[in-house]
């Protein structure tokens, strides 16, 4: 065997060895870190004891139990969710994140685990509809960096827009009189605001809206691009907890209607 051929064969052997090691070191996903928010009741909220609870949290725990994975929750402000995922602060996001084409450019998503449209909210009787003419020069409050914010920017160019950091701030700012109309999750608005003492003088106006269009696909669990094994496991677990009734038990704990979207 020539020296040059011997060197080539050694190089190839090393490449195969490295590939085998890389394959062996691929995550088994028995330990998963989950990014969650703590400011979006009833989906998530921080208790006085420092524990995060809510629909999203129960879903995350149910998926981990089904996958037989040891999971830890990492609280993260909404604006930093995607950057923290890319920085490997956690492995997936369970935080009521709407699936959109724009977000699919930077992350992969599970199948939808719930699907709720958005609604406008205002003082009862203040507006008859949500047309551009009705809301001209009015201030619309919406969470920044969301499909809802992009919907407002595209469809209400003659309105003022107040961008807030998290969903709970939409109704808080509205109640404080710092805007005329809030645009947020129709279910969250109903459960956390309209049925509260602060929200008794407010109502939904106009029809429910899907701000991302038909391609939105509901709400999903975000993962880094290429984590196909994890995404497959999450989707299988989601189907399992839907079939065995665990999802319904969690749903009924928080909502009067089925939000699964199926």
Protein backbone atom coordinates (compact mmCIF):
# COMPACT_ATOMS: atom_id res chain seq x y z
CA UNK A 1 0.00 0.00 0.00
CA UNK A 2 1.37 3.39 -0.91
CA UNK A 3 1.94 5.98 1.79
CA UNK A 4 -0.52 8.39 0.16
CA UNK A 5 -3.27 5.75 0.00
CA UNK A 6 -2.59 4.83 3.63
CA UNK A 7 -3.05 8.48 4.67
CA UNK A 8 -6.33 8.75 2.74
CA UNK A 9 -7.68 5.58 4.36
CA UNK A 10 -6.73 6.84 7.81
CA UNK A 11 -8.49 10.12 7.11
CA UNK A 12 -11.62 8.31 5.99
CA UNK A 13 -11.53 6.11 9.06
CA UNK A 14 -11.28 9.18 11.24
CA UNK A 15 -14.25 10.77 9.49
CA UNK A 16 -16.36 7.66 10.02
CA UNK A 17 -15.30 7.55 13.65
CA UNK A 18 -16.22 11.20 14.18
CA UNK A 19 -19.59 10.65 12.49
CA UNK A 20 -20.27 7.71 14.75
CA UNK A 21 -19.39 9.76 17.84
CA UNK A 22 -21.59 12.64 16.68
CA UNK A 23 -24.44 10.21 16.10
CA UNK A 24 -23.95 8.66 19.53
CA UNK A 25 -23.99 12.10 21.14
CA UNK A 26 -27.27 13.15 19.51
CA UNK A 27 -29.73 14.24 22.23
CA UNK A 28 -31.95 11.47 23.57
CA UNK A 29 -34.33 14.14 24.91
CA UNK A 30 -34.74 12.50 28.29
CA UNK A 31 -34.01 15.92 29.80
CA UNK A 32 -35.76 18.94 28.30
CA UNK A 33 -35.71 22.61 29.27
CA UNK A 34 -38.93 24.43 28.47
CA UNK A 35 -39.27 28.18 28.01
CA UNK A 36 -42.48 29.55 29.54
CA UNK A 37 -43.95 32.97 30.18
CA UNK A 38 -45.52 34.01 33.48
CA UNK A 39 -47.69 36.96 32.43
CA UNK A 40 -50.54 35.53 30.39
CA UNK A 41 -53.35 34.18 32.60
CA UNK A 42 -55.01 31.73 32.40
CA UNK A 43 -52.29 30.24 30.19
CA UNK A 44 -49.49 31.17 32.57
CA UNK A 45 -49.06 33.25 35.69
CA UNK A 46 -46.61 33.63 38.55
CA UNK A 47 -48.03 32.87 41.99
CA UNK A 48 -47.06 34.54 45.25
CA UNK A 49 -45.02 31.43 46.00
CA UNK A 50 -42.91 32.00 42.88
CA UNK A 51 -44.37 29.01 41.03
CA UNK A 52 -45.69 29.34 37.48
CA UNK A 53 -49.09 27.78 36.82
CA UNK A 54 -51.67 27.78 34.03
CA UNK A 55 -52.88 25.96 30.96
CA UNK A 56 -49.54 26.12 29.11
CA UNK A 57 -47.70 24.84 32.18
CA UNK A 58 -50.07 21.89 32.60
CA UNK A 59 -49.74 21.03 28.91
CA UNK A 60 -45.94 21.17 29.14
CA UNK A 61 -45.93 18.88 32.17
CA UNK A 62 -48.37 16.45 30.53
CA UNK A 63 -46.21 16.23 27.40
CA UNK A 64 -43.12 15.58 29.51
CA UNK A 65 -44.89 12.84 31.44
CA UNK A 66 -46.01 11.21 28.18
CA UNK A 67 -42.47 11.43 26.75
CA UNK A 68 -41.05 10.13 30.05
CA UNK A 69 -38.71 13.11 30.06
CA UNK A 70 -37.29 15.03 33.00
CA UNK A 71 -38.29 18.62 32.31
CA UNK A 72 -37.41 21.94 33.86
CA UNK A 73 -39.29 25.20 33.31
CA UNK A 74 -37.37 28.37 32.46
CA UNK A 75 -39.34 31.62 32.77
CA UNK A 76 -38.62 34.15 30.05
CA UNK A 77 -40.05 37.53 29.07
CA UNK A 78 -41.98 37.35 25.79
CA UNK A 79 -39.68 39.59 23.74
CA UNK A 80 -36.70 37.37 24.50
CA UNK A 81 -38.33 34.00 23.77
CA UNK A 82 -36.92 33.33 20.31
CA UNK A 83 -33.42 34.71 21.03
CA UNK A 84 -33.23 32.60 24.20
CA UNK A 85 -34.28 29.49 22.25
CA UNK A 86 -31.55 30.11 19.67
CA UNK A 87 -29.03 30.72 22.47
CA UNK A 88 -29.94 27.29 23.91
CA UNK A 89 -31.25 28.70 27.16
CA UNK A 90 -34.02 26.13 26.69
CA UNK A 91 -34.99 23.49 24.14
CA UNK A 92 -38.57 24.38 23.32
CA UNK A 93 -41.15 27.07 23.98
CA UNK A 94 -44.60 26.36 25.45
CA UNK A 95 -45.96 29.89 25.71
CA UNK A 96 -49.05 30.29 23.52
CA UNK A 97 -46.93 31.16 20.46
CA UNK A 98 -48.94 31.56 17.26
CA UNK A 99 -47.51 29.60 14.33
CA UNK A 100 -46.75 31.99 11.46
CA UNK A 101 -44.72 31.87 8.26
CA UNK A 102 -42.36 34.48 9.67
CA UNK A 103 -41.65 32.47 12.81
CA UNK A 104 -41.19 29.31 10.75
CA UNK A 105 -38.16 30.98 9.17
CA UNK A 106 -36.26 30.81 12.47
CA UNK A 107 -37.84 27.87 14.31
CA UNK A 108 -39.69 24.61 13.77
CA UNK A 109 -43.09 24.05 15.34
CA UNK A 110 -45.09 21.16 16.68
CA UNK A 111 -48.62 20.51 15.52
CA UNK A 112 -51.06 23.09 16.85
CA UNK A 113 -52.13 22.43 20.45
CA UNK A 114 -54.85 25.05 20.51
CA UNK A 115 -56.42 27.57 18.15
CA UNK A 116 -58.15 30.74 19.33
CA UNK A 117 -58.94 33.81 17.22
CA UNK A 118 -58.31 37.40 18.29
CA UNK A 119 -60.81 40.11 19.16
CA UNK A 120 -61.06 43.86 19.61
CA UNK A 121 -62.13 45.13 23.04
CA UNK A 122 -63.37 48.61 23.94
CA UNK A 123 -65.66 50.47 26.29
CA UNK A 124 -69.17 49.11 25.86
CA UNK A 125 -71.06 51.14 23.26
CA UNK A 126 -68.09 53.29 22.23
CA UNK A 127 -67.69 51.68 18.78
CA UNK A 128 -70.25 50.03 16.52
CA UNK A 129 -67.67 48.21 14.42
CA UNK A 130 -63.93 47.81 13.84
CA UNK A 131 -63.73 49.31 10.36
CA UNK A 132 -60.78 51.50 9.42
CA UNK A 133 -63.10 54.51 9.39
CA UNK A 134 -64.35 53.80 12.92
CA UNK A 135 -60.85 53.39 14.33
CA UNK A 136 -59.23 56.25 12.37
CA UNK A 137 -57.04 58.36 14.69
CA UNK A 138 -57.91 56.05 17.58
CA UNK A 139 -55.22 54.31 19.63
CA UNK A 140 -55.12 50.53 19.31
CA UNK A 141 -53.22 48.59 21.98
CA UNK A 142 -51.52 45.37 20.91
CA UNK A 143 -48.62 43.15 21.97
CA UNK A 144 -45.48 43.89 19.95
CA UNK A 145 -43.64 41.27 17.89
CA UNK A 146 -46.81 39.26 17.26
CA UNK A 147 -49.03 38.43 14.25
CA UNK A 148 -51.63 40.70 15.86
CA UNK A 149 -49.26 43.66 15.78
CA UNK A 150 -48.48 43.04 12.13
CA UNK A 151 -52.20 42.74 11.36
CA UNK A 152 -52.88 46.13 12.95
CA UNK A 153 -49.93 47.76 11.15
CA UNK A 154 -51.14 46.44 7.80
CA UNK A 155 -54.85 47.15 8.17
CA UNK A 156 -55.12 50.27 10.37
CA UNK A 157 -52.59 52.68 8.90
CA UNK A 158 -54.64 55.73 9.96
CA UNK A 159 -54.81 54.62 13.61
CA UNK A 160 -52.35 55.24 16.39
CA UNK A 161 -50.75 52.09 17.81
CA UNK A 162 -49.56 51.48 21.36
CA UNK A 163 -47.23 48.48 21.43
CA UNK A 164 -46.89 46.70 24.77
CA UNK A 165 -44.52 44.01 26.00
CA UNK A 166 -46.96 41.26 26.94
CA UNK A 167 -50.57 40.22 26.42
CA UNK A 168 -51.66 41.15 29.94
CA UNK A 169 -50.52 44.74 29.29
CA UNK A 170 -53.13 45.14 26.51
CA UNK A 171 -56.05 45.10 28.93
CA UNK A 172 -54.10 46.84 31.70
CA UNK A 173 -53.34 49.81 29.45
CA UNK A 174 -56.90 49.80 28.11
CA UNK A 175 -58.37 49.87 31.61
CA UNK A 176 -56.01 52.72 32.51
CA UNK A 177 -57.36 54.78 29.61
CA UNK A 178 -54.13 54.87 27.62
CA UNK A 179 -55.82 53.62 24.47
CA UNK A 180 -59.21 53.35 22.81
CA UNK A 181 -59.22 49.73 21.69
CA UNK A 182 -57.35 46.59 22.71
CA UNK A 183 -56.60 43.78 20.26
CA UNK A 184 -55.76 40.43 21.83
CA UNK A 185 -56.66 36.79 22.32
CA UNK A 186 -60.44 36.51 22.45
CA UNK A 187 -60.32 33.76 25.08
CA UNK A 188 -57.72 35.39 27.30
CA UNK A 189 -59.65 38.66 27.10
CA UNK A 190 -62.85 36.93 28.15
CA UNK A 191 -61.45 34.92 31.03
CA UNK A 192 -58.90 37.32 32.45
CA UNK A 193 -60.43 40.73 31.81
CA UNK A 194 -64.04 40.96 30.66
CA UNK A 195 -65.21 38.79 33.55
CA UNK A 196 -63.13 40.73 36.08
CA UNK A 197 -64.30 43.81 38.02
CA UNK A 198 -61.91 45.97 35.95
CA UNK A 199 -63.42 44.73 32.70
CA UNK A 200 -67.13 44.94 33.47
CA UNK A 201 -67.57 48.18 31.48
CA UNK A 202 -65.81 46.74 28.39
CA UNK A 203 -67.02 44.45 25.59
CA UNK A 204 -65.76 42.72 22.48
CA UNK A 205 -66.51 44.58 19.25
CA UNK A 206 -66.68 43.19 15.76
CA UNK A 207 -66.08 39.58 14.66
CA UNK A 208 -63.27 37.32 15.84
CA UNK A 209 -60.20 37.52 13.57
CA UNK A 210 -57.33 35.22 12.62
CA UNK A 211 -54.54 37.81 12.30
CA UNK A 212 -52.19 35.46 10.45
CA UNK A 213 -54.64 34.35 7.79
CA UNK A 214 -55.48 30.78 6.84
CA UNK A 215 -51.85 29.65 6.95
CA UNK A 216 -51.39 30.48 10.65
CA UNK A 217 -52.03 26.96 11.87
CA UNK A 218 -53.02 27.84 15.44
CA UNK A 219 -50.68 27.84 18.43
CA UNK A 220 -47.63 25.59 18.54
CA UNK A 221 -44.54 24.59 20.48
CA UNK A 222 -41.39 26.15 19.03
CA UNK A 223 -38.08 24.30 18.73
CA UNK A 224 -34.77 25.08 17.09
CA UNK A 225 -34.50 24.32 13.39
CA UNK A 226 -33.51 20.74 12.66
CA UNK A 227 -34.47 19.22 16.02
CA UNK A 228 -36.61 16.66 14.19
CA UNK A 229 -36.35 13.92 16.83
CA UNK A 230 -37.67 16.24 19.52
CA UNK A 231 -40.45 17.55 17.27
CA UNK A 232 -41.52 13.99 16.43
CA UNK A 233 -41.62 13.06 20.12
CA UNK A 234 -43.63 16.17 21.02
CA UNK A 235 -46.17 15.58 18.25
CA UNK A 236 -46.59 11.93 19.28
CA UNK A 237 -47.07 12.96 22.91
CA UNK A 238 -49.60 15.63 21.92
CA UNK A 239 -51.63 13.06 19.99
CA UNK A 240 -51.43 10.66 22.93
CA UNK A 241 -52.68 13.12 25.58
CA UNK A 242 -55.48 14.16 23.23
CA UNK A 243 -56.54 10.54 22.69
CA UNK A 244 -56.31 9.44 26.34
CA UNK A 245 -58.31 12.36 27.76
CA UNK A 246 -55.48 14.15 29.56
CA UNK A 247 -55.78 17.17 27.26
CA UNK A 248 -59.55 17.41 27.90
CA UNK A 249 -58.99 17.31 31.65
CA UNK A 250 -56.54 20.22 31.40
CA UNK A 251 -58.80 22.11 28.97
CA UNK A 252 -61.85 21.77 31.23
CA UNK A 253 -59.84 22.98 34.23
CA UNK A 254 -59.47 26.40 32.61
CA UNK A 255 -62.10 26.81 29.88
CA UNK A 256 -65.78 26.17 29.25
CA UNK A 257 -65.18 25.48 25.55
CA UNK A 258 -62.88 23.05 23.74
CA UNK A 259 -59.89 25.07 22.51
CA UNK A 260 -58.08 22.13 20.86
CA UNK A 261 -59.18 23.31 17.42
CA UNK A 262 -60.18 19.84 16.25
